[in-house]
């Protein structure tokens, strides 16, 4: 009996160790499962999963609330149960086509999509699709976002837009009649007509640009605020910090956009007042460069050199705005580890300021419109911006008796030069 016990001792110890490890794995698995369930069931967007036959196999609580069904009523049903009857046939064909060529993408690009609740009412949606496979087969994940409120907002904007266009049309007609009656003021009336047309175009471009530039940071703030609320334990502080930083960055971006709008408004209304003073250009630019260090990308360097007298006669506040914009663009459009050069030269009669980067460059065609309001280059459409920064820079330079020019080549970099006249 003693020899048998001794013979079984090692296997029993091994089995005991494996059982302990198995319990540890189960605990970790349960933790991950709980986290997944929290993200899935508490997400503020509808999520459902279907198999290759289009049958619903999983759906979160938010989606159930959106559609008014219970989970038991939907599990095992075809996905078309959540769609208007008129699209059932076409959707089956689209679904089969997607199964043959699955990829992560938005659904129904360029189309207005509608979902159907249990009570038969419909509501507009945005849907994104993704797919995954494991031993049980291939599955499709659908993320469903109810955009009813957004559609209402867009309809309000469209209504306002139509009303404004109607007013512009009426105003144009009034001006046309005035032109016929007042031939002696022909030039003034033509100028007014052109101004009305320009305002109409600017209004349309502003609405389009503002809706785009505000939507992304606002969506980031909303999603990050939601996720911060989900991370409640002490060991998730890093995650909370990450999303808080995203919120701060998005608010900063919105502030910059609003500041650009306010600056353009002041310029157009003649509300920018010069405050010329004598100051040290070398110290001033170094101070601005120090402020920019927080947004410099990995490995980037800003090198500043000055030649000649350091005392200049300009508006330091407007010059700072010019530098912040030109350096901000150089940082944003230059790759990591790039060198950005700032040079100033005081000749006695002129102050020459240059900002040079090695970024993506600007095409010759785009350079012709570079300082126009809301203009953005064709190769930067995927990078956030209002198209107002360089317009503001050019106007501030003009106010200080300066002239700005641009020399750039695609993929070679850009040099902005401003020449200020000095007494």
Protein backbone atom coordinates (compact mmCIF):
# COMPACT_ATOMS: atom_id res chain seq x y z
CA UNK A 1 0.00 0.00 0.00
CA UNK A 2 2.84 2.36 0.79
CA UNK A 3 4.54 1.65 -2.55
CA UNK A 4 1.24 2.27 -4.40
CA UNK A 5 0.77 5.60 -2.60
CA UNK A 6 4.29 6.60 -3.44
CA UNK A 7 3.74 5.62 -7.09
CA UNK A 8 0.52 7.71 -7.28
CA UNK A 9 1.98 10.73 -5.52
CA UNK A 10 3.53 12.41 -8.61
CA UNK A 11 0.53 11.89 -10.94
CA UNK A 12 -1.80 13.22 -8.25
CA UNK A 13 0.38 16.27 -7.73
CA UNK A 14 0.42 16.84 -11.52
CA UNK A 15 -3.38 16.50 -11.72
CA UNK A 16 -3.80 18.91 -8.83
CA UNK A 17 -1.56 21.47 -10.55
CA UNK A 18 -3.50 21.14 -13.82
CA UNK A 19 -6.81 21.57 -11.96
CA UNK A 20 -5.53 24.76 -10.33
CA UNK A 21 -4.40 26.09 -13.68
CA UNK A 22 -7.71 25.16 -15.24
CA UNK A 23 -9.54 27.10 -12.52
CA UNK A 24 -7.30 30.10 -13.20
CA UNK A 25 -8.05 29.90 -16.93
CA UNK A 26 -11.76 29.67 -16.19
CA UNK A 27 -11.58 32.80 -14.04
CA UNK A 28 -9.74 34.71 -16.75
CA UNK A 29 -12.18 33.42 -19.36
CA UNK A 30 -15.13 34.54 -17.23
CA UNK A 31 -13.58 37.99 -16.80
CA UNK A 32 -13.13 38.39 -20.56
CA UNK A 33 -16.65 37.10 -21.13
CA UNK A 34 -18.05 39.67 -18.68
CA UNK A 35 -16.12 42.47 -20.42
CA UNK A 36 -17.42 41.34 -23.80
CA UNK A 37 -20.98 41.19 -22.49
CA UNK A 38 -20.64 44.69 -21.02
CA UNK A 39 -19.38 46.14 -24.32
CA UNK A 40 -21.97 44.21 -26.32
CA UNK A 41 -25.06 44.71 -24.20
CA UNK A 42 -24.33 48.26 -23.00
CA UNK A 43 -23.22 49.63 -26.38
CA UNK A 44 -25.19 52.69 -27.49
CA UNK A 45 -25.61 51.24 -30.97
CA UNK A 46 -27.57 48.23 -32.23
CA UNK A 47 -25.42 45.14 -32.89
CA UNK A 48 -26.55 41.80 -34.30
CA UNK A 49 -24.87 38.71 -35.75
CA UNK A 50 -26.23 36.46 -38.53
CA UNK A 51 -25.04 33.17 -40.00
CA UNK A 52 -24.57 32.40 -43.70
CA UNK A 53 -28.28 31.61 -44.04
CA UNK A 54 -29.15 35.12 -42.89
CA UNK A 55 -30.52 33.88 -39.55
CA UNK A 56 -30.09 36.04 -36.47
CA UNK A 57 -27.93 34.23 -33.91
CA UNK A 58 -27.05 37.09 -31.55
CA UNK A 59 -28.48 40.55 -30.84
CA UNK A 60 -27.75 43.12 -28.14
CA UNK A 61 -30.19 44.87 -25.82
CA UNK A 62 -29.90 48.24 -27.59
CA UNK A 63 -31.00 46.69 -30.90
CA UNK A 64 -33.93 44.94 -29.20
CA UNK A 65 -35.02 48.29 -27.77
CA UNK A 66 -34.69 49.92 -31.21
CA UNK A 67 -36.87 47.32 -32.94
CA UNK A 68 -39.33 46.55 -30.12
CA UNK A 69 -38.81 42.76 -30.22
CA UNK A 70 -37.81 40.31 -27.52
CA UNK A 71 -34.70 38.23 -28.01
CA UNK A 72 -36.78 35.03 -28.26
CA UNK A 73 -38.82 36.53 -31.11
CA UNK A 74 -35.73 37.24 -33.24
CA UNK A 75 -33.19 34.46 -32.61
CA UNK A 76 -33.32 32.06 -35.55
CA UNK A 77 -35.38 34.44 -37.73
CA UNK A 78 -34.17 35.77 -41.08
CA UNK A 79 -32.63 39.23 -40.96
CA UNK A 80 -35.31 40.46 -43.39
CA UNK A 81 -37.80 40.49 -40.49
CA UNK A 82 -36.22 43.83 -39.53
CA UNK A 83 -36.67 45.35 -43.00
CA UNK A 84 -39.60 46.82 -44.94
CA UNK A 85 -41.37 44.21 -47.07
CA UNK A 86 -40.56 46.10 -50.30
CA UNK A 87 -36.80 45.37 -49.99
CA UNK A 88 -36.92 41.71 -48.91
CA UNK A 89 -36.27 40.28 -52.38
CA UNK A 90 -33.43 42.60 -53.28
CA UNK A 91 -31.81 42.22 -49.87
CA UNK A 92 -31.71 38.42 -50.15
CA UNK A 93 -29.72 38.82 -53.39
CA UNK A 94 -27.40 41.39 -51.81
CA UNK A 95 -26.91 39.16 -48.78
CA UNK A 96 -25.96 36.17 -50.92
CA UNK A 97 -23.56 38.35 -52.91
CA UNK A 98 -21.95 39.58 -49.69
CA UNK A 99 -21.46 35.98 -48.48
CA UNK A 100 -19.47 35.24 -51.66
CA UNK A 101 -17.31 38.37 -51.29
CA UNK A 102 -17.36 39.40 -47.60
CA UNK A 103 -15.57 42.55 -46.49
CA UNK A 104 -15.87 45.20 -43.79
CA UNK A 105 -17.74 48.15 -45.30
CA UNK A 106 -20.73 50.49 -44.93
CA UNK A 107 -24.00 49.08 -46.30
CA UNK A 108 -25.97 50.79 -49.07
CA UNK A 109 -23.52 53.57 -49.92
CA UNK A 110 -25.41 56.44 -51.53
CA UNK A 111 -28.80 55.01 -50.55
CA UNK A 112 -31.35 55.86 -47.87
CA UNK A 113 -31.73 52.75 -45.69
CA UNK A 114 -34.77 52.03 -43.51
CA UNK A 115 -35.42 49.47 -40.78
CA UNK A 116 -38.79 48.20 -39.54
CA UNK A 117 -39.94 47.88 -35.94
CA UNK A 118 -42.18 45.13 -34.61
CA UNK A 119 -45.19 47.48 -34.86
CA UNK A 120 -44.49 48.04 -38.57
CA UNK A 121 -43.17 51.60 -38.28
CA UNK A 122 -39.99 52.45 -40.16
CA UNK A 123 -36.97 54.55 -39.21
CA UNK A 124 -33.81 55.63 -41.12
CA UNK A 125 -30.57 53.82 -40.30
CA UNK A 126 -26.87 53.66 -41.07
CA UNK A 127 -25.45 50.13 -41.18
CA UNK A 128 -21.84 48.92 -41.19
CA UNK A 129 -20.95 45.29 -41.91
CA UNK A 130 -18.04 43.07 -40.92
CA UNK A 131 -17.49 39.31 -40.97
CA UNK A 132 -15.60 36.62 -39.14
CA UNK A 133 -15.14 32.85 -39.28
CA UNK A 134 -14.51 30.10 -36.77
CA UNK A 135 -15.17 26.36 -36.49
CA UNK A 136 -18.95 26.86 -36.43
CA UNK A 137 -18.96 28.69 -39.78
CA UNK A 138 -18.94 32.19 -41.22
CA UNK A 139 -20.88 35.02 -39.56
CA UNK A 140 -21.76 38.63 -40.40
CA UNK A 141 -21.84 41.41 -37.78
CA UNK A 142 -24.14 44.37 -38.45
CA UNK A 143 -23.82 47.67 -36.55
CA UNK A 144 -27.12 49.56 -36.76
CA UNK A 145 -27.38 53.26 -35.95
CA UNK A 146 -30.77 55.01 -35.78
CA UNK A 147 -30.24 58.35 -37.56
CA UNK A 148 -33.75 59.73 -37.14
CA UNK A 149 -32.58 62.80 -35.22
CA UNK A 150 -29.79 63.48 -37.71
CA UNK A 151 -32.27 63.26 -40.59
CA UNK A 152 -34.52 65.74 -38.80
CA UNK A 153 -31.56 68.09 -38.37
CA UNK A 154 -30.60 67.71 -42.02
CA UNK A 155 -34.19 68.44 -43.04
CA UNK A 156 -34.15 71.58 -40.90
CA UNK A 157 -30.87 72.66 -42.48
CA UNK A 158 -32.25 71.93 -45.95
CA UNK A 159 -35.39 73.91 -45.16
CA UNK A 160 -33.29 76.80 -43.92
CA UNK A 161 -31.13 76.49 -47.01
CA UNK A 162 -34.18 76.64 -49.28
CA UNK A 163 -35.53 79.64 -47.41
CA UNK A 164 -32.21 81.40 -47.73
CA UNK A 165 -32.02 80.58 -51.42
CA UNK A 166 -35.55 81.90 -51.87
CA UNK A 167 -34.59 85.10 -50.11
CA UNK A 168 -31.50 85.38 -52.29
CA UNK A 169 -33.64 84.83 -55.40
CA UNK A 170 -36.08 87.50 -54.28
CA UNK A 171 -33.25 89.86 -53.44
CA UNK A 172 -31.65 89.20 -56.80
CA UNK A 173 -34.93 90.04 -58.54
CA UNK A 174 -35.22 93.24 -56.56
CA UNK A 175 -31.70 94.20 -57.55
CA UNK A 176 -32.43 93.36 -61.19
CA UNK A 177 -35.48 95.65 -61.13
CA UNK A 178 -33.40 98.34 -59.51
CA UNK A 179 -30.85 97.94 -62.31
CA UNK A 180 -33.53 98.65 -64.92
CA UNK A 181 -34.80 101.70 -63.02
CA UNK A 182 -31.45 103.12 -62.00
CA UNK A 183 -29.17 102.85 -65.04
CA UNK A 184 -26.81 105.44 -63.62
CA UNK A 185 -25.97 103.08 -60.69
CA UNK A 186 -25.33 100.07 -62.93
CA UNK A 187 -21.91 99.25 -61.53
CA UNK A 188 -23.13 99.29 -57.92
CA UNK A 189 -26.03 96.96 -58.72
CA UNK A 190 -23.78 94.48 -60.59
CA UNK A 191 -21.42 94.45 -57.62
CA UNK A 192 -24.35 93.74 -55.28
CA UNK A 193 -25.52 90.85 -57.50
CA UNK A 194 -22.09 89.31 -57.49
CA UNK A 195 -21.92 89.72 -53.74
CA UNK A 196 -25.24 87.92 -53.30
CA UNK A 197 -24.03 85.06 -55.49
CA UNK A 198 -20.78 84.81 -53.55
CA UNK A 199 -22.62 84.77 -50.24
CA UNK A 200 -24.87 82.00 -51.52
CA UNK A 201 -21.89 79.89 -52.53
CA UNK A 202 -20.10 80.61 -49.26
CA UNK A 203 -23.21 79.68 -47.32
CA UNK A 204 -23.48 76.31 -49.07
CA UNK A 205 -19.78 75.60 -48.59
CA UNK A 206 -19.95 76.65 -44.94
CA UNK A 207 -22.90 74.34 -44.18
CA UNK A 208 -21.17 71.42 -45.91
CA UNK A 209 -17.79 72.02 -44.27
CA UNK A 210 -19.15 72.78 -40.80
CA UNK A 211 -21.31 69.65 -40.70
CA UNK A 212 -18.29 67.54 -41.65
CA UNK A 213 -15.73 69.20 -39.36
CA UNK A 214 -18.05 69.17 -36.33
CA UNK A 215 -19.41 65.62 -36.80
CA UNK A 216 -16.11 63.75 -36.32
CA UNK A 217 -14.95 65.40 -33.03
CA UNK A 218 -18.48 65.36 -31.62
CA UNK A 219 -18.76 61.62 -32.38
CA UNK A 220 -15.36 61.06 -30.73
CA UNK A 221 -16.45 62.97 -27.61
CA UNK A 222 -19.70 60.99 -27.41
CA UNK A 223 -18.10 57.56 -27.80
CA UNK A 224 -15.18 58.34 -25.46
CA UNK A 225 -17.49 59.76 -22.78
CA UNK A 226 -19.59 56.61 -22.97
CA UNK A 227 -16.53 54.33 -22.68
CA UNK A 228 -15.09 56.34 -19.77
CA UNK A 229 -18.36 55.66 -17.96
CA UNK A 230 -17.91 51.92 -18.56
CA UNK A 231 -14.39 51.73 -17.11
CA UNK A 232 -15.17 51.88 -13.39
CA UNK A 233 -12.45 49.76 -11.79
CA UNK A 234 -9.13 51.15 -10.53
CA UNK A 235 -7.04 48.99 -12.87
CA UNK A 236 -8.71 50.62 -15.90
CA UNK A 237 -7.33 54.11 -15.21
CA UNK A 238 -5.10 53.96 -18.31
CA UNK A 239 -8.13 53.35 -20.50
CA UNK A 240 -10.01 56.20 -18.87
CA UNK A 241 -7.03 58.50 -19.36
CA UNK A 242 -6.78 57.53 -23.04
CA UNK A 243 -10.41 58.43 -23.75
CA UNK A 244 -10.27 61.61 -21.65
CA UNK A 245 -7.31 62.71 -23.81
CA UNK A 246 -9.37 61.98 -26.93
CA UNK A 247 -12.14 64.20 -25.56
CA UNK A 248 -9.65 67.01 -24.82
CA UNK A 249 -8.17 66.75 -28.34
CA UNK A 250 -11.61 66.86 -29.94
CA UNK A 251 -12.65 69.92 -27.89
CA UNK A 252 -9.36 71.61 -28.89
CA UNK A 253 -10.11 70.88 -32.55
CA UNK A 254 -13.61 72.34 -32.24
CA UNK A 255 -12.15 75.45 -30.57
CA UNK A 256 -9.68 75.90 -33.44
CA UNK A 257 -12.48 75.58 -36.00
CA UNK A 258 -14.61 78.15 -34.16
CA UNK A 259 -11.64 80.52 -33.82
CA UNK A 260 -11.11 80.32 -37.59
CA UNK A 261 -14.76 81.22 -38.19
CA UNK A 262 -14.54 84.14 -35.75
CA UNK A 263 -11.30 85.41 -37.31
CA UNK A 264 -12.79 85.36 -40.83
CA UNK A 265 -15.86 87.18 -39.51
CA UNK A 266 -13.72 89.92 -37.97
CA UNK A 267 -11.68 90.29 -41.16
CA UNK A 268 -14.78 90.54 -43.36
CA UNK A 269 -16.35 93.13 -41.03
CA UNK A 270 -13.15 95.14 -40.70
CA UNK A 271 -13.03 94.35 -37.01
CA UNK A 272 -9.30 93.47 -36.83
CA UNK A 273 -7.37 96.37 -35.32
CA UNK A 274 -3.60 96.64 -35.70
CA UNK A 275 -1.53 97.09 -32.56
CA UNK A 276 1.94 97.79 -33.97
CA UNK A 277 4.82 97.70 -31.51
CA UNK A 278 8.58 97.17 -31.51
CA UNK A 279 9.68 93.78 -30.18
CA UNK A 280 12.43 91.15 -30.48
CA UNK A 281 11.52 88.83 -33.38
CA UNK A 282 14.04 86.16 -32.30
CA UNK A 283 12.57 85.82 -28.80
CA UNK A 284 9.00 86.04 -30.11
CA UNK A 285 9.41 83.17 -32.59
CA UNK A 286 11.21 81.02 -30.03
CA UNK A 287 8.26 81.47 -27.67
CA UNK A 288 5.84 80.39 -30.41
CA UNK A 289 7.98 77.36 -31.24
CA UNK A 290 7.94 76.34 -27.59
CA UNK A 291 4.12 76.35 -27.63
CA UNK A 292 4.13 74.11 -30.73
CA UNK A 293 6.17 71.36 -29.05
CA UNK A 294 3.01 69.72 -27.72
CA UNK A 295 1.75 68.92 -31.23
CA UNK A 296 5.08 68.01 -32.88
CA UNK A 297 4.92 64.48 -34.29
CA UNK A 298 7.39 61.73 -33.43
CA UNK A 299 10.95 62.63 -34.39
CA UNK A 300 10.05 66.00 -35.95
CA UNK A 301 12.36 68.98 -35.32
CA UNK A 302 11.76 72.70 -35.74
CA UNK A 303 14.99 74.61 -36.46
CA UNK A 304 14.98 78.42 -36.34
CA UNK A 305 17.67 80.79 -37.63
CA UNK A 306 17.72 84.59 -37.77
CA UNK A 307 19.93 87.04 -39.67
CA UNK A 308 20.24 90.78 -39.04
CA UNK A 309 18.69 93.06 -36.43
CA UNK A 310 16.22 91.39 -34.07
CA UNK A 311 14.05 94.47 -33.39
CA UNK A 312 11.01 94.61 -35.69
CA UNK A 313 7.89 96.80 -35.95
CA UNK A 314 4.79 94.61 -36.38
CA UNK A 315 1.66 93.44 -34.55
CA UNK A 316 3.01 90.61 -32.32
CA UNK A 317 -0.42 89.01 -31.86
CA UNK A 318 -1.16 88.78 -35.61
CA UNK A 319 2.38 87.55 -36.30
CA UNK A 320 1.93 84.84 -33.67
CA UNK A 321 -1.31 83.71 -35.36
CA UNK A 322 0.51 83.55 -38.72
CA UNK A 323 3.32 81.46 -37.23
CA UNK A 324 0.94 79.10 -35.40
CA UNK A 325 -0.92 78.43 -38.63
CA UNK A 326 2.12 77.95 -40.89
CA UNK A 327 3.95 75.78 -38.33
CA UNK A 328 0.77 73.82 -37.58
CA UNK A 329 0.38 73.02 -41.29
CA UNK A 330 4.04 72.08 -41.61
CA UNK A 331 3.75 69.67 -38.67
CA UNK A 332 0.44 68.20 -39.84
CA UNK A 333 1.48 67.60 -43.45
CA UNK A 334 5.07 66.47 -42.80
CA UNK A 335 6.05 62.86 -42.00
CA UNK A 336 7.61 61.64 -38.78
CA UNK A 337 11.30 62.52 -38.22
CA UNK A 338 11.00 65.48 -40.63
CA UNK A 339 12.90 68.75 -40.15
CA UNK A 340 10.88 71.96 -40.34
CA UNK A 341 12.90 75.14 -40.86
CA UNK A 342 11.95 78.68 -39.86
CA UNK A 343 14.12 81.57 -41.04
CA UNK A 344 13.89 85.33 -40.54
CA UNK A 345 16.09 87.98 -42.12
CA UNK A 346 16.05 91.69 -41.34
CA UNK A 347 17.54 93.69 -44.21
CA UNK A 348 16.76 97.08 -42.70
CA UNK A 349 13.87 97.85 -45.04
CA UNK A 350 12.26 94.41 -45.01
CA UNK A 351 11.68 91.46 -42.69
CA UNK A 352 11.64 88.17 -44.63
CA UNK A 353 9.97 85.22 -42.90
CA UNK A 354 10.10 81.69 -44.38
CA UNK A 355 8.63 78.41 -43.13
CA UNK A 356 9.87 75.31 -44.98
CA UNK A 357 8.75 71.69 -44.65
CA UNK A 358 9.38 68.39 -46.43
CA UNK A 359 5.75 67.32 -46.53
CA UNK A 360 3.38 66.16 -49.25
CA UNK A 361 3.55 69.40 -51.22
CA UNK A 362 0.92 71.40 -53.13
CA UNK A 363 0.14 71.05 -56.83
CA UNK A 364 0.63 74.03 -59.16
CA UNK A 365 -3.11 74.10 -59.84
CA UNK A 366 -4.00 74.21 -56.13
CA UNK A 367 -1.46 76.97 -55.47
CA UNK A 368 -3.54 79.33 -57.62
CA UNK A 369 -6.43 79.09 -55.11
CA UNK A 370 -4.42 78.52 -51.92
CA UNK A 371 -5.44 81.72 -50.11
CA UNK A 372 -9.14 81.61 -50.98
CA UNK A 373 -11.77 81.04 -48.29
CA UNK A 374 -12.68 77.37 -47.63
CA UNK A 375 -10.20 76.12 -50.25
CA UNK A 376 -8.46 72.81 -49.55
CA UNK A 377 -5.90 71.05 -51.73
CA UNK A 378 -6.89 67.95 -53.65
CA UNK A 379 -4.33 65.78 -51.81
CA UNK A 380 -5.44 66.70 -48.25
CA UNK A 381 -9.16 65.95 -48.42
CA UNK A 382 -8.71 63.08 -45.92
CA UNK A 383 -7.02 65.36 -43.33
CA UNK A 384 -9.17 67.55 -41.10
CA UNK A 385 -9.18 71.27 -41.77
CA UNK A 386 -11.50 74.21 -42.48
CA UNK A 387 -9.75 75.70 -45.51
CA UNK A 388 -9.66 79.06 -43.69
CA UNK A 389 -6.18 79.10 -42.14
CA UNK A 390 -4.13 80.33 -45.11
CA UNK A 391 -6.86 82.81 -46.04
CA UNK A 392 -6.56 84.31 -42.55
CA UNK A 393 -2.74 84.30 -42.78
CA UNK A 394 -2.80 86.19 -46.08
CA UNK A 395 -5.23 88.80 -44.70
CA UNK A 396 -3.19 89.31 -41.52
CA UNK A 397 -0.03 89.69 -43.62
CA UNK A 398 -1.77 92.34 -45.78
CA UNK A 399 -2.85 94.25 -42.67
CA UNK A 400 0.82 94.46 -41.63
CA UNK A 401 1.92 95.62 -45.10
CA UNK A 402 3.20 92.16 -45.98
CA UNK A 403 2.94 89.86 -48.96
CA UNK A 404 2.86 86.04 -48.82
CA UNK A 405 3.99 83.64 -51.56
CA UNK A 406 4.18 79.86 -51.83
CA UNK A 407 6.72 77.65 -53.60
CA UNK A 408 5.89 73.94 -53.55
CA UNK A 409 6.19 70.65 -55.44
CA UNK A 410 4.27 67.44 -54.86
CA UNK A 411 6.14 65.06 -52.46
CA UNK A 412 9.04 67.55 -52.21
CA UNK A 413 7.74 69.98 -49.61
CA UNK A 414 6.58 73.58 -49.34
CA UNK A 415 8.12 76.97 -48.59
CA UNK A 416 5.93 79.88 -47.47
CA UNK A 417 7.59 83.30 -47.66
CA UNK A 418 6.20 86.52 -46.19
CA UNK A 419 7.93 89.87 -46.80
CA UNK A 420 7.01 92.64 -44.35
CA UNK A 421 7.98 96.24 -45.12
CA UNK A 422 9.88 97.90 -42.28
CA UNK A 423 10.26 101.68 -41.85
